[in-house]
Amino acid sequence: MKDLNHYVGDDLSLSPTGSLSPVEGIERGKQRILRRLITNPGDYLFHPAYGAGLGRFVGSLTNVPEIISLIRGQILLEDCVSKKPAPVISVTPSNNTLSVNIGYTDSSLGEPVTLSFEVNR
């Protein structure tokens, strides 16, 4: 079963024929990682442990090593992220945002991938 082409916070993507667009490969992995990191634990009724809930760290005193550890633990649950070499993660907090940069190797393709995003309230 394919995933639908959808980034968290955006609309579903349509194919040229007007049907829902599927996604695969590296883009699928990026979308799944981002969804996992943004989703609050408990938001999915049948998967209460799913998600990192990064939004809760925005605007509060931030323990960067704790956030990096949380991100690492969550992304390694995704089948697209290779455990070796280990993902490289950086987090830069400011008053109203968390800037996250993740470098990992796609497990099926063996290609390096970079995912950068900001989390706001």
PDB file of N, CA and C in Angstrom:
ATOM      1  N   MET A   1       0.840  -1.181   0.000  1.00  0.00           N
ATOM      2  CA  MET A   1       0.000   0.000   0.000  1.00  0.00           C
ATOM      3  C   MET A   1       0.887   1.246   0.000  1.00  0.00           C
ATOM      4  N   LYS A   2       0.599   2.165  -0.870  1.00  0.00           N
ATOM      5  CA  LYS A   2       1.371   3.397  -0.961  1.00  0.00           C
ATOM      6  C   LYS A   2       0.827   4.440   0.001  1.00  0.00           C
ATOM      7  N   ASP A   3       1.709   5.367   0.388  1.00  0.00           N
ATOM      8  CA  ASP A   3       1.297   6.505   1.208  1.00  0.00           C
ATOM      9  C   ASP A   3       0.770   7.604   0.292  1.00  0.00           C
ATOM     10  N   LEU A   4      -0.120   8.429   0.826  1.00  0.00           N
ATOM     11  CA  LEU A   4      -0.583   9.601   0.084  1.00  0.00           C
ATOM     12  C   LEU A   4       0.461  10.701   0.200  1.00  0.00           C
ATOM     13  N   ASN A   5       0.616  11.478  -0.849  1.00  0.00           N
ATOM     14  CA  ASN A   5       1.571  12.582  -0.874  1.00  0.00           C
ATOM     15  C   ASN A   5       0.998  13.722  -0.043  1.00  0.00           C
ATOM     16  N   HIS A   6       1.522  13.868   1.190  1.00  0.00           N
ATOM     17  CA  HIS A   6       0.960  14.855   2.105  1.00  0.00           C
ATOM     18  C   HIS A   6       1.982  15.271   3.145  1.00  0.00           C
ATOM     19  N   TYR A   7       2.333  16.558   3.147  1.00  0.00           N
ATOM     20  CA  TYR A   7       3.161  17.112   4.209  1.00  0.00           C
ATOM     21  C   TYR A   7       2.245  17.668   5.287  1.00  0.00           C
ATOM     22  N   VAL A   8       2.604  17.458   6.545  1.00  0.00           N
ATOM     23  CA  VAL A   8       1.824  17.938   7.678  1.00  0.00           C
ATOM     24  C   VAL A   8       1.578  19.434   7.522  1.00  0.00           C
ATOM     25  N   GLY A   9       0.331  19.847   7.683  1.00  0.00           N
ATOM     26  CA  GLY A   9      -0.035  21.253   7.588  1.00  0.00           C
ATOM     27  C   GLY A   9      -0.418  21.714   6.196  1.00  0.00           C
ATOM     28  N   ASP A  10      -0.204  20.881   5.193  1.00  0.00           N
ATOM     29  CA  ASP A  10      -0.569  21.219   3.816  1.00  0.00           C
ATOM     30  C   ASP A  10      -1.771  20.399   3.369  1.00  0.00           C
ATOM     31  N   ASP A  11      -2.277  20.716   2.187  1.00  0.00           N
ATOM     32  CA  ASP A  11      -3.354  19.937   1.591  1.00  0.00           C
ATOM     33  C   ASP A  11      -2.792  18.660   0.978  1.00  0.00           C
ATOM     34  N   LEU A  12      -3.655  17.690   0.749  1.00  0.00           N
ATOM     35  CA  LEU A  12      -3.259  16.505   0.002  1.00  0.00           C
ATOM     36  C   LEU A  12      -2.891  16.917  -1.418  1.00  0.00           C
ATOM     37  N   SER A  13      -1.938  16.228  -1.997  1.00  0.00           N
ATOM     38  CA  SER A  13      -1.513  16.543  -3.360  1.00  0.00           C
ATOM     39  C   SER A  13      -2.322  15.737  -4.364  1.00  0.00           C
ATOM     40  N   LEU A  14      -2.580  16.364  -5.492  1.00  0.00           N
ATOM     41  CA  LEU A  14      -3.324  15.695  -6.551  1.00  0.00           C
ATOM     42  C   LEU A  14      -2.401  15.323  -7.699  1.00  0.00           C
ATOM     43  N   SER A  15      -2.738  14.233  -8.365  1.00  0.00           N
ATOM     44  CA  SER A  15      -2.000  13.815  -9.559  1.00  0.00           C
ATOM     45  C   SER A  15      -2.478  14.657 -10.738  1.00  0.00           C
ATOM     46  N   PRO A  16      -1.790  14.574 -11.878  1.00  0.00           N
ATOM     47  CA  PRO A  16      -2.236  15.325 -13.059  1.00  0.00           C
ATOM     48  C   PRO A  16      -3.657  14.969 -13.510  1.00  0.00           C
ATOM     49  N   THR A  17      -4.128  13.757 -13.161  1.00  0.00           N
ATOM     50  CA  THR A  17      -5.482  13.359 -13.556  1.00  0.00           C
ATOM     51  C   THR A  17      -6.539  13.771 -12.538  1.00  0.00           C
ATOM     52  N   GLY A  18      -6.112  14.376 -11.415  1.00  0.00           N
ATOM     53  CA  GLY A  18      -7.056  14.844 -10.411  1.00  0.00           C
ATOM     54  C   GLY A  18      -7.294  13.884  -9.265  1.00  0.00           C
ATOM     55  N   SER A  19      -6.693  12.712  -9.299  1.00  0.00           N
ATOM     56  CA  SER A  19      -6.842  11.784  -8.174  1.00  0.00           C
ATOM     57  C   SER A  19      -5.775  12.098  -7.120  1.00  0.00           C
ATOM     58  N   LEU A  20      -5.901  11.480  -5.957  1.00  0.00           N
ATOM     59  CA  LEU A  20      -4.921  11.697  -4.904  1.00  0.00           C
ATOM     60  C   LEU A  20      -3.568  11.141  -5.340  1.00  0.00           C
ATOM     61  N   SER A  21      -2.546  11.909  -5.081  1.00  0.00           N
ATOM     62  CA  SER A  21      -1.201  11.556  -5.527  1.00  0.00           C
ATOM     63  C   SER A  21      -0.497  10.684  -4.487  1.00  0.00           C
ATOM     64  N   PRO A  22       0.061   9.550  -4.899  1.00  0.00           N
ATOM     65  CA  PRO A  22       0.847   8.734  -3.970  1.00  0.00           C
ATOM     66  C   PRO A  22       2.278   9.264  -3.877  1.00  0.00           C
ATOM     67  N   VAL A  23       2.996   8.829  -2.858  1.00  0.00           N
ATOM     68  CA  VAL A  23       4.393   9.221  -2.693  1.00  0.00           C
ATOM     69  C   VAL A  23       5.195   7.981  -2.333  1.00  0.00           C
ATOM     70  N   GLU A  24       6.431   7.937  -2.798  1.00  0.00           N
ATOM     71  CA  GLU A  24       7.307   6.827  -2.461  1.00  0.00           C
ATOM     72  C   GLU A  24       8.746   7.322  -2.418  1.00  0.00           C
ATOM     73  N   GLY A  25       9.648   6.462  -2.050  1.00  0.00           N
ATOM     74  CA  GLY A  25      11.061   6.802  -2.026  1.00  0.00           C
ATOM     75  C   GLY A  25      11.425   7.774  -0.922  1.00  0.00           C
ATOM     76  N   ILE A  26      12.370   8.647  -1.220  1.00  0.00           N
ATOM     77  CA  ILE A  26      12.898   9.579  -0.224  1.00  0.00           C
ATOM     78  C   ILE A  26      11.833  10.545   0.263  1.00  0.00           C
ATOM     79  N   GLU A  27      10.976  11.035  -0.613  1.00  0.00           N
ATOM     80  CA  GLU A  27       9.911  11.967  -0.193  1.00  0.00           C
ATOM     81  C   GLU A  27       8.962  11.299   0.795  1.00  0.00           C
ATOM     82  N   ARG A  28       8.659  10.034   0.584  1.00  0.00           N
ATOM     83  CA  ARG A  28       7.801   9.290   1.521  1.00  0.00           C
ATOM     84  C   ARG A  28       8.436   9.284   2.908  1.00  0.00           C
ATOM     85  N   GLY A  29       9.718   8.993   2.948  1.00  0.00           N
ATOM     86  CA  GLY A  29      10.423   8.960   4.226  1.00  0.00           C
ATOM     87  C   GLY A  29      10.417  10.310   4.925  1.00  0.00           C
ATOM     88  N   LYS A  30      10.674  11.386   4.177  1.00  0.00           N
ATOM     89  CA  LYS A  30      10.665  12.728   4.770  1.00  0.00           C
ATOM     90  C   LYS A  30       9.294  13.065   5.356  1.00  0.00           C
ATOM     91  N   GLN A  31       8.244  12.730   4.611  1.00  0.00           N
ATOM     92  CA  GLN A  31       6.893  13.030   5.084  1.00  0.00           C
ATOM     93  C   GLN A  31       6.571  12.244   6.350  1.00  0.00           C
ATOM     94  N   ARG A  32       6.967  10.985   6.396  1.00  0.00           N
ATOM     95  CA  ARG A  32       6.684  10.147   7.563  1.00  0.00           C
ATOM     96  C   ARG A  32       7.452  10.627   8.797  1.00  0.00           C
ATOM     97  N   ILE A  33       8.703  11.017   8.603  1.00  0.00           N
ATOM     98  CA  ILE A  33       9.508  11.516   9.720  1.00  0.00           C
ATOM     99  C   ILE A  33       8.911  12.812  10.257  1.00  0.00           C
ATOM    100  N   LEU A  34       8.613  13.736   9.371  1.00  0.00           N
ATOM    101  CA  LEU A  34       8.048  15.015   9.791  1.00  0.00           C
ATOM    102  C   LEU A  34       6.728  14.812  10.531  1.00  0.00           C
ATOM    103  N   ARG A  35       5.867  13.957   9.999  1.00  0.00           N
ATOM    104  CA  ARG A  35       4.580  13.682  10.652  1.00  0.00           C
ATOM    105  C   ARG A  35       4.794  13.122  12.054  1.00  0.00           C
ATOM    106  N   ARG A  36       5.728  12.194  12.199  1.00  0.00           N
ATOM    107  CA  ARG A  36       6.011  11.584  13.501  1.00  0.00           C
ATOM    108  C   ARG A  36       6.527  12.621  14.499  1.00  0.00           C
ATOM    109  N   LEU A  37       7.402  13.509  14.053  1.00  0.00           N
ATOM    110  CA  LEU A  37       8.002  14.480  14.965  1.00  0.00           C
ATOM    111  C   LEU A  37       7.043  15.587  15.379  1.00  0.00           C
ATOM    112  N   ILE A  38       6.114  15.953  14.525  1.00  0.00           N
ATOM    113  CA  ILE A  38       5.165  17.022  14.822  1.00  0.00           C
ATOM    114  C   ILE A  38       3.971  16.517  15.642  1.00  0.00           C
ATOM    115  N   THR A  39       3.567  15.286  15.426  1.00  0.00           N
ATOM    116  CA  THR A  39       2.388  14.733  16.103  1.00  0.00           C
ATOM    117  C   THR A  39       2.633  14.605  17.604  1.00  0.00           C
ATOM    118  N   ASN A  40       1.648  15.032  18.386  1.00  0.00           N
ATOM    119  CA  ASN A  40       1.730  14.903  19.840  1.00  0.00           C
ATOM    120  C   ASN A  40       1.414  13.477  20.262  1.00  0.00           C
ATOM    121  N   PRO A  41       2.175  12.934  21.228  1.00  0.00           N
ATOM    122  CA  PRO A  41       1.821  11.616  21.750  1.00  0.00           C
ATOM    123  C   PRO A  41       0.374  11.641  22.261  1.00  0.00           C
ATOM    124  N   GLY A  42      -0.378  10.617  21.938  1.00  0.00           N
ATOM    125  CA  GLY A  42      -1.778  10.542  22.361  1.00  0.00           C
ATOM    126  C   GLY A  42      -2.761  11.078  21.341  1.00  0.00           C
ATOM    127  N   ASP A  43      -2.286  11.775  20.299  1.00  0.00           N
ATOM    128  CA  ASP A  43      -3.197  12.319  19.279  1.00  0.00           C
ATOM    129  C   ASP A  43      -3.839  11.235  18.422  1.00  0.00           C
ATOM    130  N   TYR A  44      -3.139  10.118  18.200  1.00  0.00           N
ATOM    131  CA  TYR A  44      -3.699   9.010  17.437  1.00  0.00           C
ATOM    132  C   TYR A  44      -4.296   8.017  18.421  1.00  0.00           C
ATOM    133  N   LEU A  45      -5.604   7.917  18.419  1.00  0.00           N
ATOM    134  CA  LEU A  45      -6.335   7.115  19.383  1.00  0.00           C
ATOM    135  C   LEU A  45      -5.830   5.678  19.478  1.00  0.00           C
ATOM    136  N   PHE A  46      -5.538   5.049  18.357  1.00  0.00           N
ATOM    137  CA  PHE A  46      -5.129   3.648  18.363  1.00  0.00           C
ATOM    138  C   PHE A  46      -3.613   3.461  18.446  1.00  0.00           C
ATOM    139  N   HIS A  47      -2.878   4.565  18.489  1.00  0.00           N
ATOM    140  CA  HIS A  47      -1.415   4.516  18.620  1.00  0.00           C
ATOM    141  C   HIS A  47      -0.984   5.609  19.601  1.00  0.00           C
ATOM    142  N   PRO A  48      -1.305   5.472  20.878  1.00  0.00           N
ATOM    143  CA  PRO A  48      -1.070   6.554  21.838  1.00  0.00           C
ATOM    144  C   PRO A  48       0.405   6.912  22.042  1.00  0.00           C
ATOM    145  N   ALA A  49       1.337   6.030  21.730  1.00  0.00           N
ATOM    146  CA  ALA A  49       2.760   6.330  21.911  1.00  0.00           C
ATOM    147  C   ALA A  49       3.389   6.955  20.672  1.00  0.00           C
ATOM    148  N   TYR A  50       2.620   7.064  19.579  1.00  0.00           N
ATOM    149  CA  TYR A  50       3.155   7.608  18.326  1.00  0.00           C
ATOM    150  C   TYR A  50       3.366   9.110  18.461  1.00  0.00           C
ATOM    151  N   GLY A  51       4.509   9.589  18.044  1.00  0.00           N
ATOM    152  CA  GLY A  51       4.757  11.024  17.949  1.00  0.00           C
ATOM    153  C   GLY A  51       5.715  11.555  18.991  1.00  0.00           C
ATOM    154  N   ALA A  52       6.412  12.634  18.604  1.00  0.00           N
ATOM    155  CA  ALA A  52       7.369  13.288  19.497  1.00  0.00           C
ATOM    156  C   ALA A  52       6.812  14.568  20.103  1.00  0.00           C
ATOM    157  N   GLY A  53       5.860  15.205  19.438  1.00  0.00           N
ATOM    158  CA  GLY A  53       5.259  16.428  19.973  1.00  0.00           C
ATOM    159  C   GLY A  53       6.252  17.569  20.121  1.00  0.00           C
ATOM    160  N   LEU A  54       7.048  17.835  19.092  1.00  0.00           N
ATOM    161  CA  LEU A  54       8.073  18.871  19.197  1.00  0.00           C
ATOM    162  C   LEU A  54       7.505  20.257  19.500  1.00  0.00           C
ATOM    163  N   GLY A  55       6.272  20.508  19.151  1.00  0.00           N
ATOM    164  CA  GLY A  55       5.663  21.810  19.406  1.00  0.00           C
ATOM    165  C   GLY A  55       5.653  22.206  20.866  1.00  0.00           C
ATOM    166  N   ARG A  56       5.644  21.254  21.766  1.00  0.00           N
ATOM    167  CA  ARG A  56       5.593  21.564  23.207  1.00  0.00           C
ATOM    168  C   ARG A  56       6.888  22.196  23.704  1.00  0.00           C
ATOM    169  N   PHE A  57       7.962  22.093  22.927  1.00  0.00           N
ATOM    170  CA  PHE A  57       9.237  22.660  23.338  1.00  0.00           C
ATOM    171  C   PHE A  57       9.432  24.101  22.872  1.00  0.00           C
ATOM    172  N   VAL A  58       8.551  24.577  22.016  1.00  0.00           N
ATOM    173  CA  VAL A  58       8.669  25.933  21.483  1.00  0.00           C
ATOM    174  C   VAL A  58       8.303  26.938  22.566  1.00  0.00           C
ATOM    175  N   GLY A  59       9.187  27.924  22.771  1.00  0.00           N
ATOM    176  CA  GLY A  59       8.908  28.996  23.716  1.00  0.00           C
ATOM    177  C   GLY A  59       9.152  28.649  25.171  1.00  0.00           C
ATOM    178  N   SER A  60       9.700  27.483  25.450  1.00  0.00           N
ATOM    179  CA  SER A  60       9.990  27.115  26.836  1.00  0.00           C
ATOM    180  C   SER A  60      11.495  26.936  27.009  1.00  0.00           C
ATOM    181  N   LEU A  61      11.920  26.808  28.251  1.00  0.00           N
ATOM    182  CA  LEU A  61      13.329  26.502  28.487  1.00  0.00           C
ATOM    183  C   LEU A  61      13.625  25.175  27.809  1.00  0.00           C
ATOM    184  N   THR A  62      14.670  25.167  27.015  1.00  0.00           N
ATOM    185  CA  THR A  62      14.901  24.030  26.144  1.00  0.00           C
ATOM    186  C   THR A  62      16.154  23.267  26.550  1.00  0.00           C
ATOM    187  N   ASN A  63      16.004  21.967  26.674  1.00  0.00           N
ATOM    188  CA  ASN A  63      17.122  21.070  26.896  1.00  0.00           C
ATOM    189  C   ASN A  63      17.433  20.433  25.542  1.00  0.00           C
ATOM    190  N   VAL A  64      18.363  21.028  24.809  1.00  0.00           N
ATOM    191  CA  VAL A  64      18.655  20.592  23.439  1.00  0.00           C
ATOM    192  C   VAL A  64      19.070  19.121  23.379  1.00  0.00           C
ATOM    193  N   PRO A  65      19.959  18.636  24.256  1.00  0.00           N
ATOM    194  CA  PRO A  65      20.304  17.208  24.191  1.00  0.00           C
ATOM    195  C   PRO A  65      19.092  16.288  24.379  1.00  0.00           C
ATOM    196  N   GLU A  66      18.148  16.693  25.227  1.00  0.00           N
ATOM    197  CA  GLU A  66      16.926  15.897  25.424  1.00  0.00           C
ATOM    198  C   GLU A  66      16.089  15.859  24.144  1.00  0.00           C
ATOM    199  N   ILE A  67      15.962  16.998  23.468  1.00  0.00           N
ATOM    200  CA  ILE A  67      15.187  17.057  22.229  1.00  0.00           C
ATOM    201  C   ILE A  67      15.864  16.225  21.142  1.00  0.00           C
ATOM    202  N   ILE A  68      17.177  16.329  21.038  1.00  0.00           N
ATOM    203  CA  ILE A  68      17.907  15.539  20.042  1.00  0.00           C
ATOM    204  C   ILE A  68      17.727  14.053  20.307  1.00  0.00           C
ATOM    205  N   SER A  69      17.784  13.660  21.572  1.00  0.00           N
ATOM    206  CA  SER A  69      17.578  12.248  21.931  1.00  0.00           C
ATOM    207  C   SER A  69      16.169  11.798  21.568  1.00  0.00           C
ATOM    208  N   LEU A  70      15.179  12.636  21.834  1.00  0.00           N
ATOM    209  CA  LEU A  70      13.792  12.319  21.483  1.00  0.00           C
ATOM    210  C   LEU A  70      13.645  12.157  19.972  1.00  0.00           C
ATOM    211  N   ILE A  71      14.209  13.087  19.214  1.00  0.00           N
ATOM    212  CA  ILE A  71      14.140  13.009  17.749  1.00  0.00           C
ATOM    213  C   ILE A  71      14.807  11.728  17.259  1.00  0.00           C
ATOM    214  N   ARG A  72      16.008  11.437  17.761  1.00  0.00           N
ATOM    215  CA  ARG A  72      16.737  10.236  17.328  1.00  0.00           C
ATOM    216  C   ARG A  72      15.906   8.978  17.591  1.00  0.00           C
ATOM    217  N   GLY A  73      15.348   8.870  18.792  1.00  0.00           N
ATOM    218  CA  GLY A  73      14.544   7.695  19.128  1.00  0.00           C
ATOM    219  C   GLY A  73      13.326   7.546  18.240  1.00  0.00           C
ATOM    220  N   GLN A  74      12.694   8.658  17.912  1.00  0.00           N
ATOM    221  CA  GLN A  74      11.486   8.609  17.081  1.00  0.00           C
ATOM    222  C   GLN A  74      11.802   8.296  15.624  1.00  0.00           C
ATOM    223  N   ILE A  75      12.831   8.927  15.054  1.00  0.00           N
ATOM    224  CA  ILE A  75      13.086   8.688  13.626  1.00  0.00           C
ATOM    225  C   ILE A  75      13.618   7.286  13.377  1.00  0.00           C
ATOM    226  N   LEU A  76      14.286   6.700  14.360  1.00  0.00           N
ATOM    227  CA  LEU A  76      14.783   5.337  14.172  1.00  0.00           C
ATOM    228  C   LEU A  76      13.646   4.311  14.169  1.00  0.00           C
ATOM    229  N   LEU A  77      12.443   4.734  14.536  1.00  0.00           N
ATOM    230  CA  LEU A  77      11.268   3.866  14.443  1.00  0.00           C
ATOM    231  C   LEU A  77      10.729   3.793  13.012  1.00  0.00           C
ATOM    232  N   GLU A  78      11.167   4.707  12.164  1.00  0.00           N
ATOM    233  CA  GLU A  78      10.725   4.713  10.763  1.00  0.00           C
ATOM    234  C   GLU A  78      11.616   3.784   9.949  1.00  0.00           C
ATOM    235  N   ASP A  79      11.019   2.962   9.093  1.00  0.00           N
ATOM    236  CA  ASP A  79      11.784   1.987   8.318  1.00  0.00           C
ATOM    237  C   ASP A  79      12.698   2.612   7.269  1.00  0.00           C
ATOM    238  N   CYS A  80      12.504   3.874   6.949  1.00  0.00           N
ATOM    239  CA  CYS A  80      13.326   4.532   5.933  1.00  0.00           C
ATOM    240  C   CYS A  80      14.670   5.020   6.473  1.00  0.00           C
ATOM    241  N   VAL A  81      14.822   5.068   7.796  1.00  0.00           N
ATOM    242  CA  VAL A  81      16.042   5.612   8.395  1.00  0.00           C
ATOM    243  C   VAL A  81      16.997   4.482   8.745  1.00  0.00           C
ATOM    244  N   SER A  82      18.192   4.546   8.153  1.00  0.00           N
ATOM    245  CA  SER A  82      19.217   3.552   8.430  1.00  0.00           C
ATOM    246  C   SER A  82      19.857   3.842   9.787  1.00  0.00           C
ATOM    247  N   LYS A  83      20.114   2.795  10.544  1.00  0.00           N
ATOM    248  CA  LYS A  83      20.741   2.963  11.853  1.00  0.00           C
ATOM    249  C   LYS A  83      22.238   3.227  11.734  1.00  0.00           C
ATOM    250  N   LYS A  84      22.842   2.739  10.634  1.00  0.00           N
ATOM    251  CA  LYS A  84      24.269   2.972  10.397  1.00  0.00           C
ATOM    252  C   LYS A  84      24.447   3.499   8.986  1.00  0.00           C
ATOM    253  N   PRO A  85      25.070   4.636   8.828  1.00  0.00           N
ATOM    254  CA  PRO A  85      25.583   5.513   9.868  1.00  0.00           C
ATOM    255  C   PRO A  85      24.442   6.170  10.644  1.00  0.00           C
ATOM    256  N   ALA A  86      24.739   6.509  11.874  1.00  0.00           N
ATOM    257  CA  ALA A  86      23.721   7.110  12.746  1.00  0.00           C
ATOM    258  C   ALA A  86      23.280   8.471  12.198  1.00  0.00           C
ATOM    259  N   PRO A  87      22.007   8.804  12.356  1.00  0.00           N
ATOM    260  CA  PRO A  87      21.534  10.120  11.930  1.00  0.00           C
ATOM    261  C   PRO A  87      22.276  11.236  12.674  1.00  0.00           C
ATOM    262  N   VAL A  88      22.469  12.351  11.987  1.00  0.00           N
ATOM    263  CA  VAL A  88      23.087  13.536  12.579  1.00  0.00           C
ATOM    264  C   VAL A  88      21.991  14.575  12.742  1.00  0.00           C
ATOM    265  N   ILE A  89      21.794  15.027  13.984  1.00  0.00           N
ATOM    266  CA  ILE A  89      20.658  15.897  14.299  1.00  0.00           C
ATOM    267  C   ILE A  89      21.157  17.152  14.993  1.00  0.00           C
ATOM    268  N   SER A  90      20.657  18.310  14.563  1.00  0.00           N
ATOM    269  CA  SER A  90      20.934  19.554  15.280  1.00  0.00           C
ATOM    270  C   SER A  90      19.611  20.279  15.525  1.00  0.00           C
ATOM    271  N   VAL A  91      19.536  20.933  16.671  1.00  0.00           N
ATOM    272  CA  VAL A  91      18.349  21.689  17.060  1.00  0.00           C
ATOM    273  C   VAL A  91      18.802  23.059  17.542  1.00  0.00           C
ATOM    274  N   THR A  92      18.185  24.110  17.008  1.00  0.00           N
ATOM    275  CA  THR A  92      18.487  25.473  17.425  1.00  0.00           C
ATOM    276  C   THR A  92      17.196  26.126  17.903  1.00  0.00           C
ATOM    277  N   PRO A  93      17.095  26.375  19.216  1.00  0.00           N
ATOM    278  CA  PRO A  93      15.881  27.017  19.737  1.00  0.00           C
ATOM    279  C   PRO A  93      15.972  28.541  19.678  1.00  0.00           C
ATOM    280  N   SER A  94      14.816  29.180  19.536  1.00  0.00           N
ATOM    281  CA  SER A  94      14.696  30.624  19.720  1.00  0.00           C
ATOM    282  C   SER A  94      13.377  30.841  20.451  1.00  0.00           C
ATOM    283  N   ASN A  95      12.973  32.071  20.650  1.00  0.00           N
ATOM    284  CA  ASN A  95      11.761  32.344  21.422  1.00  0.00           C
ATOM    285  C   ASN A  95      10.516  31.668  20.880  1.00  0.00           C
ATOM    286  N   ASN A  96      10.335  31.711  19.571  1.00  0.00           N
ATOM    287  CA  ASN A  96       9.088  31.226  18.990  1.00  0.00           C
ATOM    288  C   ASN A  96       9.253  30.084  17.998  1.00  0.00           C
ATOM    289  N   THR A  97      10.453  29.558  17.853  1.00  0.00           N
ATOM    290  CA  THR A  97      10.666  28.460  16.912  1.00  0.00           C
ATOM    291  C   THR A  97      11.740  27.503  17.398  1.00  0.00           C
ATOM    292  N   LEU A  98      11.664  26.308  16.868  1.00  0.00           N
ATOM    293  CA  LEU A  98      12.750  25.332  16.969  1.00  0.00           C
ATOM    294  C   LEU A  98      13.170  25.039  15.538  1.00  0.00           C
ATOM    295  N   SER A  99      14.433  25.245  15.233  1.00  0.00           N
ATOM    296  CA  SER A  99      14.949  24.885  13.919  1.00  0.00           C
ATOM    297  C   SER A  99      15.615  23.526  14.051  1.00  0.00           C
ATOM    298  N   VAL A 100      15.199  22.593  13.208  1.00  0.00           N
ATOM    299  CA  VAL A 100      15.693  21.213  13.266  1.00  0.00           C
ATOM    300  C   VAL A 100      16.334  20.868  11.930  1.00  0.00           C
ATOM    301  N   ASN A 101      17.499  20.248  12.008  1.00  0.00           N
ATOM    302  CA  ASN A 101      18.193  19.778  10.815  1.00  0.00           C
ATOM    303  C   ASN A 101      18.580  18.324  11.067  1.00  0.00           C
ATOM    304  N   ILE A 102      18.153  17.441  10.181  1.00  0.00           N
ATOM    305  CA  ILE A 102      18.407  16.004  10.337  1.00  0.00           C
ATOM    306  C   ILE A 102      19.081  15.495   9.065  1.00  0.00           C
ATOM    307  N   GLY A 103      20.202  14.819   9.240  1.00  0.00           N
ATOM    308  CA  GLY A 103      20.861  14.140   8.135  1.00  0.00           C
ATOM    309  C   GLY A 103      20.834  12.648   8.427  1.00  0.00           C
ATOM    310  N   TYR A 104      20.351  11.867   7.495  1.00  0.00           N
ATOM    311  CA  TYR A 104      20.272  10.420   7.689  1.00  0.00           C
ATOM    312  C   TYR A 104      20.482   9.722   6.352  1.00  0.00           C
ATOM    313  N   THR A 105      20.644   8.423   6.408  1.00  0.00           N
ATOM    314  CA  THR A 105      20.776   7.624   5.195  1.00  0.00           C
ATOM    315  C   THR A 105      19.485   6.856   4.973  1.00  0.00           C
ATOM    316  N   ASP A 106      18.930   6.967   3.768  1.00  0.00           N
ATOM    317  CA  ASP A 106      17.725   6.223   3.424  1.00  0.00           C
ATOM    318  C   ASP A 106      18.078   4.736   3.377  1.00  0.00           C
ATOM    319  N   SER A 107      17.370   3.920   4.161  1.00  0.00           N
ATOM    320  CA  SER A 107      17.732   2.510   4.303  1.00  0.00           C
ATOM    321  C   SER A 107      17.518   1.697   3.026  1.00  0.00           C
ATOM    322  N   SER A 108      16.519   2.022   2.242  1.00  0.00           N
ATOM    323  CA  SER A 108      16.274   1.220   1.041  1.00  0.00           C
ATOM    324  C   SER A 108      17.152   1.637  -0.134  1.00  0.00           C
ATOM    325  N   LEU A 109      17.473   2.925  -0.251  1.00  0.00           N
ATOM    326  CA  LEU A 109      18.253   3.410  -1.381  1.00  0.00           C
ATOM    327  C   LEU A 109      19.735   3.604  -1.044  1.00  0.00           C
ATOM    328  N   GLY A 110      20.051   3.705   0.256  1.00  0.00           N
ATOM    329  CA  GLY A 110      21.429   3.936   0.667  1.00  0.00           C
ATOM    330  C   GLY A 110      21.917   5.341   0.375  1.00  0.00           C
ATOM    331  N   GLU A 111      21.002   6.260   0.105  1.00  0.00           N
ATOM    332  CA  GLU A 111      21.367   7.629  -0.237  1.00  0.00           C
ATOM    333  C   GLU A 111      21.261   8.548   0.982  1.00  0.00           C
ATOM    334  N   PRO A 112      22.169   9.540   1.083  1.00  0.00           N
ATOM    335  CA  PRO A 112      22.057  10.508   2.174  1.00  0.00           C
ATOM    336  C   PRO A 112      20.872  11.439   1.938  1.00  0.00           C
ATOM    337  N   VAL A 113      20.193  11.780   3.029  1.00  0.00           N
ATOM    338  CA  VAL A 113      19.012  12.638   2.965  1.00  0.00           C
ATOM    339  C   VAL A 113      19.148  13.719   4.022  1.00  0.00           C
ATOM    340  N   THR A 114      18.743  14.925   3.686  1.00  0.00           N
ATOM    341  CA  THR A 114      18.706  16.024   4.654  1.00  0.00           C
ATOM    342  C   THR A 114      17.268  16.502   4.775  1.00  0.00           C
ATOM    343  N   LEU A 115      16.822  16.644   6.015  1.00  0.00           N
ATOM    344  CA  LEU A 115      15.486  17.159   6.298  1.00  0.00           C
ATOM    345  C   LEU A 115      15.639  18.323   7.261  1.00  0.00           C
ATOM    346  N   SER A 116      15.230  19.514   6.842  1.00  0.00           N
ATOM    347  CA  SER A 116      15.315  20.715   7.670  1.00  0.00           C
ATOM    348  C   SER A 116      13.930  21.323   7.767  1.00  0.00           C
ATOM    349  N   PHE A 117      13.564  21.742   8.980  1.00  0.00           N
ATOM    350  CA  PHE A 117      12.253  22.350   9.165  1.00  0.00           C
ATOM    351  C   PHE A 117      12.248  23.162  10.452  1.00  0.00           C
ATOM    352  N   GLU A 118      11.234  24.010  10.589  1.00  0.00           N
ATOM    353  CA  GLU A 118      11.047  24.803  11.801  1.00  0.00           C
ATOM    354  C   GLU A 118       9.702  24.441  12.412  1.00  0.00           C
ATOM    355  N   VAL A 119       9.666  24.457  13.729  1.00  0.00           N
ATOM    356  CA  VAL A 119       8.427  24.208  14.461  1.00  0.00           C
ATOM    357  C   VAL A 119       8.070  25.501  15.183  1.00  0.00           C
ATOM    358  N   ASN A 120       6.845  26.011  14.952  1.00  0.00           N
ATOM    359  CA  ASN A 120       6.344  27.197  15.636  1.00  0.00           C
ATOM    360  C   ASN A 120       5.117  26.792  16.421  1.00  0.00           C
ATOM    361  N   ARG A 121       4.699  27.665  17.261  1.00  0.00           N
ATOM    362  CA  ARG A 121       3.462  27.400  17.999  1.00  0.00           C
ATOM    363  C   ARG A 121       2.270  27.690  17.166  1.00  0.00           C
TER     364      ARG A 121
END
